[in-house]
Amino acid sequence: MHSPNQAPVRLTQFAHGGGCACKIPPGELEDVLAGLAPPVPVTGDVPLLVGPATGDDAAVVVLPPEDGAAAVVSTADFFTPVVDDAYDWGRIAAANALSDVYAMGGRPVLAVNLLAWPRDVLPLDLAREVLRGGLTVAAEAGCHVGGGHSVDDPEPKYGMAVTGLADPGRLLRNDTGRPGVPLSLTKPLGLGVLNNRHKATGERFEQAVATMVALNRDASAAALAAGAVCATDVTGFGLLGHLHKLARASGVTAVLDTAAVPYLDGARQAVRDGYVSGGTRRNLQWVTPSTDFGGADEETRLLLADAQTSGGLLVAGEVPGAPVIGELVPGGTHTVVLK
């Protein structure tokens, strides 16, 4: 869907990167975070159940019994324009932010907007369309939007800080994968290269937009119903990066069946035509020391490392309707092995 009466402005041309491909590279980020911890032990009756140690998608605290003993899930996600249409960008960014709660097995209940806007360069009517897109997806998710924060910035950015609720005994986590469990992927890959082609050429890929705006709500519910306890969403670090983090946190090796991985129409051609972001190449460089690529060619490696925006869930377990793309096995020399 296009926003009504939108000025012919190509939003992607106002950003140095696009979507989750503009994340700080995973290796550099881990170096920055190494050794960081609260200066003094945090006390009180609200323990941190999931924090930064496992690289999960969101933080989780557990309320005391007198407050219902619920798990509170907290996350924030924002990025530069990934498509030119302001309304679509808002929808995509909101779906992406909400995904972190779904990836933990929670349901989002409250969000606040995070908006950076070059007010002297881009019309504020476009900012309104971005916010309208976010409201549309939040309403679909049954999540309140209670305001937010905005700043004047040379580069447009949008996203949300989201709070969700979960059952502390039924969380989906990075560090709970066990050998012998299959791996399912709930959305196809290729969003990064198609978005990069869109940024370079202006071509619009409806299949990519439809995939990015789709909530991971049903996939999360299906994973929980199937008894899964381990999952993550596939975003800026690519399938290989997020799979590496999951396997490392769980102390297992992930064996990936490359022939079973689904891709969006046009993704392989976009790689062949050179529409590969720097973020994707940095992802591949980061995982290479921990990955046995077998006979996978360069095209396949790049697609598996492709920096996704609002990608699907990677679940340790079988999810109805989602392809099984591999399995977890006892830990070995590598965290990821391709076959």
Protein backbone atom coordinates (compact mmCIF):
# COMPACT_ATOMS: atom_id res chain seq x y z
CA MET A 1 0.00 0.00 0.00
CA HIS A 2 1.28 3.47 -0.88
CA SER A 3 0.66 6.47 1.31
CA PRO A 4 -1.94 8.88 -0.11
CA ASN A 5 -0.75 12.13 -1.72
CA GLN A 6 2.87 11.37 -0.89
CA ALA A 7 5.42 13.68 -2.47
CA PRO A 8 7.80 11.99 -4.93
CA VAL A 9 10.66 11.80 -2.44
CA ARG A 10 13.02 8.81 -2.39
CA LEU A 11 13.63 8.39 1.32
CA THR A 12 16.38 5.81 0.87
CA GLN A 13 18.55 8.48 -0.76
CA PHE A 14 18.70 10.40 2.53
CA ALA A 15 20.41 7.56 4.42
CA HIS A 16 23.94 6.17 4.20
CA GLY A 17 22.59 2.65 4.79
CA GLY A 18 19.20 1.04 4.89
CA GLY A 19 17.20 -0.91 7.46
CA CYS A 20 19.02 -3.41 9.64
CA ALA A 21 21.99 -3.36 7.26
CA CYS A 22 23.05 -0.12 8.97
CA LYS A 23 23.68 -1.87 12.29
CA ILE A 24 27.13 -1.63 13.84
CA PRO A 25 28.93 -4.78 12.60
CA PRO A 26 28.52 -7.68 15.05
CA GLY A 27 32.24 -8.17 15.68
CA GLU A 28 32.78 -4.48 16.43
CA LEU A 29 29.70 -4.40 18.65
CA GLU A 30 30.91 -7.37 20.70
CA ASP A 31 34.26 -5.63 21.19
CA VAL A 32 32.48 -2.50 22.46
CA LEU A 33 30.28 -4.47 24.87
CA ALA A 34 33.02 -6.76 26.17
CA GLY A 35 33.37 -6.40 29.93
CA LEU A 36 30.56 -3.89 30.30
CA ALA A 37 28.37 -4.53 33.35
CA PRO A 38 26.48 -2.46 35.93
CA PRO A 39 29.06 -0.75 38.20
CA VAL A 40 27.44 -2.26 41.29
CA PRO A 41 25.21 -5.33 41.69
CA VAL A 42 21.58 -4.45 41.10
CA THR A 43 19.44 -5.24 44.13
CA GLY A 44 15.71 -5.47 44.57
CA ASP A 45 12.87 -7.87 43.99
CA VAL A 46 12.76 -7.65 40.18
CA PRO A 47 15.47 -10.02 38.90
CA LEU A 48 16.92 -9.76 35.40
CA LEU A 49 16.07 -13.09 33.79
CA VAL A 50 17.54 -12.39 30.33
CA GLY A 51 20.25 -9.77 29.86
CA PRO A 52 23.09 -8.98 27.46
CA ALA A 53 25.19 -12.07 28.17
CA THR A 54 23.39 -14.36 25.72
CA GLY A 55 22.80 -11.86 22.91
CA ASP A 56 19.04 -12.37 23.01
CA ASP A 57 16.55 -10.22 21.16
CA ALA A 58 15.20 -8.43 24.24
CA ALA A 59 15.77 -8.07 27.97
CA VAL A 60 13.43 -9.79 30.44
CA VAL A 61 12.71 -9.13 34.10
CA VAL A 62 10.30 -11.09 36.31
CA LEU A 63 7.85 -9.26 38.53
CA PRO A 64 7.47 -10.47 42.13
CA PRO A 65 4.55 -12.79 42.96
CA GLU A 66 2.52 -9.99 44.51
CA ASP A 67 2.64 -8.22 41.12
CA GLY A 68 1.60 -11.31 39.19
CA ALA A 69 4.99 -12.99 38.59
CA ALA A 70 4.82 -12.04 34.92
CA ALA A 71 7.84 -11.66 32.69
CA VAL A 72 8.25 -8.14 31.29
CA VAL A 73 10.02 -8.03 27.93
CA SER A 74 11.75 -4.80 26.87
CA THR A 75 13.39 -3.86 23.57
CA ALA A 76 14.12 -0.98 21.20
CA ASP A 77 14.80 -0.98 17.47
CA PHE A 78 15.08 1.80 14.88
CA PHE A 79 16.82 2.33 11.57
CA THR A 80 17.20 4.46 8.46
CA PRO A 81 14.75 4.15 5.53
CA VAL A 82 14.71 0.73 3.93
CA VAL A 83 12.13 1.68 1.27
CA ASP A 84 11.18 4.97 -0.35
CA ASP A 85 7.51 4.94 0.66
CA ALA A 86 7.12 6.64 4.06
CA TYR A 87 4.03 4.69 5.13
CA ASP A 88 5.64 1.37 4.21
CA TRP A 89 8.84 2.30 6.05
CA GLY A 90 6.79 3.01 9.17
CA ARG A 91 5.03 -0.34 8.91
CA ILE A 92 8.28 -2.22 8.37
CA ALA A 93 10.10 -0.51 11.24
CA ALA A 94 7.22 -1.18 13.63
CA ALA A 95 6.94 -4.84 12.63
CA ASN A 96 10.70 -5.18 13.08
CA ALA A 97 10.63 -3.66 16.58
CA LEU A 98 7.66 -5.78 17.67
CA SER A 99 9.45 -8.87 16.39
CA ASP A 100 11.96 -8.78 19.24
CA VAL A 101 9.11 -9.39 21.70
CA TYR A 102 7.67 -12.21 19.59
CA ALA A 103 11.14 -13.75 19.31
CA MET A 104 11.18 -14.06 23.11
CA GLY A 105 7.76 -15.73 23.21
CA GLY A 106 6.02 -12.58 24.46
CA ARG A 107 3.17 -10.36 23.32
CA PRO A 108 3.73 -6.61 22.87
CA VAL A 109 1.45 -4.40 24.95
CA LEU A 110 2.97 -0.90 24.79
CA ALA A 111 5.25 0.92 22.36
CA VAL A 112 6.65 4.43 22.10
CA ASN A 113 7.88 5.96 18.85
CA LEU A 114 11.53 6.86 18.22
CA LEU A 115 11.82 9.39 15.40
CA ALA A 116 14.78 11.32 14.00
CA TRP A 117 13.92 13.74 11.20
CA PRO A 118 15.78 16.32 9.06
CA ARG A 119 13.00 18.87 9.43
CA ASP A 120 14.64 21.46 7.17
CA VAL A 121 15.18 18.92 4.39
CA LEU A 122 12.21 16.56 4.34
CA PRO A 123 8.55 17.56 4.69
CA LEU A 124 6.96 16.84 8.04
CA ASP A 125 4.00 15.37 6.16
CA LEU A 126 6.28 12.45 5.34
CA ALA A 127 7.15 12.04 9.02
CA ARG A 128 3.43 11.87 9.71
CA GLU A 129 3.11 9.06 7.15
CA VAL A 130 5.95 7.15 8.81
CA LEU A 131 4.21 7.43 12.18
CA ARG A 132 0.89 6.42 10.61
CA GLY A 133 2.51 3.28 9.26
CA GLY A 134 3.83 2.42 12.71
CA LEU A 135 0.41 2.97 14.26
CA THR A 136 -1.21 0.70 11.67
CA VAL A 137 1.05 -2.25 12.46
CA ALA A 138 0.92 -1.69 16.21
CA ALA A 139 -2.88 -1.74 16.02
CA GLU A 140 -2.72 -5.01 14.08
CA ALA A 141 -0.57 -6.41 16.89
CA GLY A 142 -2.96 -5.18 19.57
CA CYS A 143 -0.20 -3.00 21.01
CA HIS A 144 -0.80 0.51 22.36
CA VAL A 145 1.39 3.36 21.10
CA GLY A 146 1.75 5.88 23.91
CA GLY A 147 3.67 8.75 22.35
CA GLY A 148 7.43 8.71 21.97
CA HIS A 149 10.44 10.93 21.37
CA SER A 150 11.64 12.89 18.35
CA VAL A 151 14.80 14.80 17.45
CA ASP A 152 15.95 16.98 14.56
CA ASP A 153 18.62 14.88 12.83
CA PRO A 154 20.48 15.08 9.48
CA GLU A 155 19.39 11.52 8.66
CA PRO A 156 15.85 10.13 9.00
CA LYS A 157 15.44 7.23 11.43
CA TYR A 158 12.37 5.55 12.87
CA GLY A 159 11.51 2.69 15.17
CA MET A 160 9.96 1.86 18.51
CA ALA A 161 10.77 0.96 22.07
CA VAL A 162 8.43 -1.89 22.96
CA THR A 163 7.32 -3.47 26.21
CA GLY A 164 5.74 -6.92 26.21
CA LEU A 165 4.51 -9.59 28.59
CA ALA A 166 5.37 -13.27 28.67
CA ASP A 167 5.08 -16.37 30.80
CA PRO A 168 8.51 -16.67 32.51
CA GLY A 169 8.23 -20.45 32.24
CA ARG A 170 7.60 -20.36 28.48
CA LEU A 171 10.21 -18.00 27.08
CA LEU A 172 12.01 -18.45 23.77
CA ARG A 173 15.72 -17.83 24.32
CA ASN A 174 19.05 -17.99 22.50
CA ASP A 175 20.77 -20.24 25.02
CA THR A 176 18.27 -23.10 25.34
CA GLY A 177 18.99 -25.00 22.13
CA ARG A 178 19.68 -28.72 22.58
CA PRO A 179 21.19 -31.39 20.28
CA GLY A 180 18.75 -33.40 18.22
CA VAL A 181 16.28 -30.55 17.67
CA PRO A 182 15.38 -29.44 14.11
CA LEU A 183 15.67 -25.81 12.96
CA SER A 184 12.75 -24.00 11.29
CA LEU A 185 12.75 -20.64 9.46
CA THR A 186 9.44 -18.77 9.20
CA LYS A 187 10.25 -16.20 6.47
CA PRO A 188 12.37 -16.49 3.30
CA LEU A 189 15.73 -14.77 2.97
CA GLY A 190 16.75 -12.13 0.45
CA LEU A 191 15.29 -8.97 1.97
CA GLY A 192 18.66 -7.28 2.21
CA VAL A 193 19.69 -7.65 -1.43
CA LEU A 194 16.23 -6.70 -2.71
CA ASN A 195 16.17 -3.61 -0.48
CA ASN A 196 19.66 -2.70 -1.67
CA ARG A 197 18.50 -3.02 -5.28
CA HIS A 198 15.48 -0.85 -4.46
CA LYS A 199 17.75 1.82 -2.95
CA ALA A 200 20.02 1.79 -6.01
CA THR A 201 17.41 1.64 -8.77
CA GLY A 202 14.02 2.62 -7.35
CA GLU A 203 12.52 -0.74 -8.37
CA ARG A 204 9.74 -1.76 -5.96
CA PHE A 205 9.57 -5.35 -4.74
CA GLU A 206 6.10 -6.07 -3.41
CA GLN A 207 7.12 -9.53 -2.17
CA ALA A 208 9.80 -7.95 0.01
CA VAL A 209 7.46 -5.31 1.47
CA ALA A 210 4.79 -7.93 2.22
CA THR A 211 7.35 -10.11 3.98
CA MET A 212 8.74 -7.26 6.08
CA VAL A 213 5.38 -5.90 7.27
CA ALA A 214 4.13 -9.37 8.26
CA LEU A 215 4.10 -9.78 12.04
CA ASN A 216 5.93 -12.70 13.65
CA ARG A 217 3.00 -13.06 16.07
CA ASP A 218 1.55 -16.25 14.60
CA ALA A 219 4.99 -17.84 14.18
CA SER A 220 5.80 -17.13 17.83
CA ALA A 221 2.49 -18.58 19.01
CA ALA A 222 3.00 -21.67 16.83
CA ALA A 223 6.52 -22.17 18.19
CA LEU A 224 5.26 -22.00 21.77
CA ALA A 225 2.36 -24.34 20.99
CA ALA A 226 4.85 -26.83 19.54
CA GLY A 227 6.85 -26.75 22.79
CA ALA A 228 9.83 -24.76 21.49
CA VAL A 229 12.05 -23.08 24.07
CA CYS A 230 14.77 -21.67 21.79
CA ALA A 231 14.40 -19.07 19.04
CA THR A 232 15.66 -15.78 17.66
CA ASP A 233 14.60 -13.51 14.83
CA VAL A 234 16.70 -13.09 11.70
CA THR A 235 17.55 -9.44 11.14
CA GLY A 236 20.70 -7.39 10.56
CA PHE A 237 23.31 -10.08 11.27
CA GLY A 238 21.83 -12.42 8.65
CA LEU A 239 20.81 -16.05 9.07
CA LEU A 240 24.41 -17.15 9.59
CA GLY A 241 25.09 -14.47 12.19
CA HIS A 242 21.98 -15.14 14.25
CA LEU A 243 22.45 -18.90 13.92
CA HIS A 244 26.03 -18.53 15.13
CA LYS A 245 24.89 -16.52 18.16
CA LEU A 246 22.20 -19.10 19.01
CA ALA A 247 24.53 -22.08 18.66
CA ARG A 248 27.32 -20.38 20.62
CA ALA A 249 24.99 -19.40 23.48
CA SER A 250 23.54 -22.93 23.58
CA GLY A 251 26.88 -24.74 23.34
CA VAL A 252 25.83 -26.68 20.22
CA THR A 253 26.61 -26.83 16.51
CA ALA A 254 23.97 -25.91 13.93
CA VAL A 255 23.97 -28.02 10.78
CA LEU A 256 22.31 -26.05 7.97
CA ASP A 257 20.82 -27.74 4.90
CA THR A 258 21.45 -25.03 2.30
CA ALA A 259 19.08 -26.63 -0.21
CA ALA A 260 16.17 -26.29 2.24
CA VAL A 261 16.58 -22.56 2.92
CA PRO A 262 13.79 -20.52 1.23
CA TYR A 263 14.52 -17.31 -0.70
CA LEU A 264 12.37 -14.51 -2.07
CA ASP A 265 11.89 -14.30 -5.81
CA GLY A 266 14.63 -12.16 -7.30
CA ALA A 267 17.06 -12.55 -4.42
CA ARG A 268 19.63 -14.67 -6.23
CA GLN A 269 19.53 -12.42 -9.28
CA ALA A 270 20.08 -9.39 -7.06
CA VAL A 271 23.25 -11.01 -5.68
CA ARG A 272 24.45 -11.85 -9.20
CA ASP A 273 23.85 -8.25 -10.23
CA GLY A 274 25.96 -6.98 -7.34
CA TYR A 275 23.34 -5.55 -4.98
CA VAL A 276 25.08 -6.75 -1.80
CA SER A 277 25.34 -4.35 1.13
CA GLY A 278 28.49 -3.72 3.12
CA GLY A 279 26.61 -4.99 6.18
CA THR A 280 26.10 -8.37 4.52
CA ARG A 281 29.77 -8.65 3.62
CA ARG A 282 30.75 -7.76 7.20
CA ASN A 283 28.35 -10.42 8.48
CA LEU A 284 30.02 -13.02 6.30
CA GLN A 285 33.48 -11.95 7.42
CA TRP A 286 32.42 -12.20 11.08
CA VAL A 287 31.01 -15.74 10.89
CA THR A 288 33.69 -17.19 8.60
CA PRO A 289 36.08 -18.34 11.39
CA SER A 290 33.20 -20.18 13.10
CA THR A 291 31.60 -21.70 9.98
CA ASP A 292 32.35 -24.79 7.91
CA PHE A 293 31.00 -23.74 4.51
CA GLY A 294 31.43 -27.13 2.87
CA GLY A 295 30.94 -26.71 -0.87
CA ALA A 296 28.72 -23.62 -0.67
CA ASP A 297 29.52 -21.08 -3.40
CA GLU A 298 29.98 -17.34 -2.83
CA GLU A 299 26.44 -16.51 -3.93
CA THR A 300 24.94 -18.89 -1.37
CA ARG A 301 27.26 -17.63 1.36
CA LEU A 302 26.24 -14.03 0.73
CA LEU A 303 22.54 -14.88 0.77
CA LEU A 304 22.91 -16.78 4.03
CA ALA A 305 24.69 -13.75 5.52
CA ASP A 306 22.28 -11.25 3.92
CA ALA A 307 21.34 -8.50 6.36
CA GLN A 308 17.59 -8.91 6.78
CA THR A 309 15.12 -6.28 7.93
CA SER A 310 12.05 -7.59 9.76
CA GLY A 311 12.92 -11.17 8.89
CA GLY A 312 11.34 -14.31 10.26
CA LEU A 313 11.88 -16.40 13.35
CA LEU A 314 14.60 -19.03 13.51
CA VAL A 315 13.16 -21.66 15.82
CA ALA A 316 14.78 -24.71 17.40
CA GLY A 317 11.80 -26.97 16.80
CA GLU A 318 9.26 -27.71 14.09
CA VAL A 319 6.80 -24.93 13.31
CA PRO A 320 3.75 -25.89 11.22
CA GLY A 321 4.00 -24.37 7.76
CA ALA A 322 7.66 -23.39 8.08
CA PRO A 323 10.45 -25.30 6.33
CA VAL A 324 12.95 -27.28 8.39
CA ILE A 325 16.37 -26.00 7.32
CA GLY A 326 18.69 -27.99 9.58
CA GLU A 327 19.23 -29.31 13.06
CA LEU A 328 21.23 -28.79 16.23
CA VAL A 329 23.91 -31.36 17.06
CA PRO A 330 26.49 -31.68 19.86
CA GLY A 331 29.03 -28.87 19.85
CA GLY A 332 32.07 -29.27 17.64
CA THR A 333 34.85 -27.24 16.07
CA HIS A 334 32.42 -24.86 14.38
CA THR A 335 29.16 -23.31 15.54
CA VAL A 336 27.65 -23.61 12.05
CA VAL A 337 28.20 -26.33 9.43
CA LEU A 338 26.73 -26.11 5.92
CA LYS A 339 25.77 -29.18 3.96
